[in-house]
């Protein structure tokens, strides 16, 4: 299973607010924060940008997510533990 984590990065003196998405194998992407979107949708946009940047062959239509202390974690529905 691959888990994609995302988190909000606050604005600094030189950069605006951003969302960062990354995988355990050190693939990452950072996108600008958009105040026109809800948080969960914006974090998913970061996941989509990561998939596009690394040309990953992942079907995101069946992706699940949940909130954490620092952001969100996204994973795939086929990553379930059997009974």
Protein backbone atom coordinates (compact mmCIF):
# COMPACT_ATOMS: atom_id res chain seq x y z
CA UNK A 1 0.00 0.00 0.00
CA UNK A 2 1.15 3.51 -0.71
CA UNK A 3 0.05 6.29 1.62
CA UNK A 4 0.28 9.89 0.54
CA UNK A 5 0.50 12.45 3.31
CA UNK A 6 -0.34 16.12 2.97
CA UNK A 7 0.10 19.12 5.20
CA UNK A 8 -0.46 22.85 5.25
CA UNK A 9 2.63 25.07 5.16
CA UNK A 10 2.00 28.59 6.48
CA UNK A 11 3.19 31.69 4.67
CA UNK A 12 6.73 32.93 5.24
CA UNK A 13 8.37 36.26 4.44
CA UNK A 14 9.18 35.01 0.94
CA UNK A 15 6.48 32.41 0.13
CA UNK A 16 2.72 32.29 0.40
CA UNK A 17 0.76 29.51 2.13
CA UNK A 18 1.13 26.11 0.49
CA UNK A 19 0.09 22.46 0.64
CA UNK A 20 2.78 19.77 0.50
CA UNK A 21 2.11 16.15 -0.54
CA UNK A 22 4.65 13.35 -0.19
CA UNK A 23 5.09 9.58 -0.29
CA UNK A 24 7.25 7.33 1.90
CA UNK A 25 9.73 6.93 -0.98
CA UNK A 26 10.53 10.68 -0.91
CA UNK A 27 8.43 11.84 -3.85
CA UNK A 28 6.97 15.25 -3.04
CA UNK A 29 5.26 18.27 -4.51
CA UNK A 30 4.14 21.61 -3.08
CA UNK A 31 1.24 23.65 -4.47
CA UNK A 32 0.04 27.15 -3.63
CA UNK A 33 -2.83 27.43 -1.16
CA UNK A 34 -6.12 28.44 -2.79
CA UNK A 35 -8.73 30.13 -0.64
CA UNK A 36 -11.36 29.21 -3.26
CA UNK A 37 -11.35 25.51 -2.24
CA UNK A 38 -12.23 23.54 0.86
CA UNK A 39 -9.30 22.04 2.78
CA UNK A 40 -10.00 18.42 1.84
CA UNK A 41 -10.34 19.28 -1.87
CA UNK A 42 -7.17 21.41 -1.78
CA UNK A 43 -5.18 18.58 -0.18
CA UNK A 44 -6.50 16.22 -2.87
CA UNK A 45 -5.32 18.70 -5.51
CA UNK A 46 -1.83 18.33 -4.03
CA UNK A 47 -2.13 14.53 -4.37
CA UNK A 48 -3.15 14.93 -8.02
CA UNK A 49 -0.18 17.26 -8.62
CA UNK A 50 2.17 14.65 -7.11
CA UNK A 51 0.76 11.92 -9.38
CA UNK A 52 1.13 14.18 -12.41
CA UNK A 53 4.68 15.32 -11.52
CA UNK A 54 5.99 11.76 -11.20
CA UNK A 55 3.78 10.32 -13.99
CA UNK A 56 2.39 7.71 -11.61
CA UNK A 57 -0.10 5.22 -13.02
CA UNK A 58 -2.54 5.46 -10.12
CA UNK A 59 -6.32 5.53 -10.42
CA UNK A 60 -7.37 8.23 -7.94
CA UNK A 61 -11.11 7.66 -8.38
CA UNK A 62 -11.26 5.10 -5.58
CA UNK A 63 -8.98 6.90 -3.15
CA UNK A 64 -9.88 7.30 0.54
CA UNK A 65 -8.60 9.89 3.00
CA UNK A 66 -8.66 10.87 6.62
CA UNK A 67 -7.50 13.78 8.70
CA UNK A 68 -4.50 13.78 11.02
CA UNK A 69 -3.04 16.26 13.47
CA UNK A 70 -0.95 17.81 10.70
CA UNK A 71 -3.01 17.32 7.53
CA UNK A 72 -4.42 14.33 5.67
CA UNK A 73 -3.43 10.82 4.63
CA UNK A 74 -4.68 9.43 1.31
CA UNK A 75 -4.70 5.73 0.39
CA UNK A 76 -6.48 3.36 -1.97
CA UNK A 77 -9.60 1.30 -1.28
CA UNK A 78 -7.90 -1.92 -2.43
CA UNK A 79 -5.51 -1.60 0.52
CA UNK A 80 -7.75 -3.37 3.03
CA UNK A 81 -7.00 -5.99 5.62
CA UNK A 82 -8.89 -9.26 5.08
CA UNK A 83 -11.16 -10.79 7.68
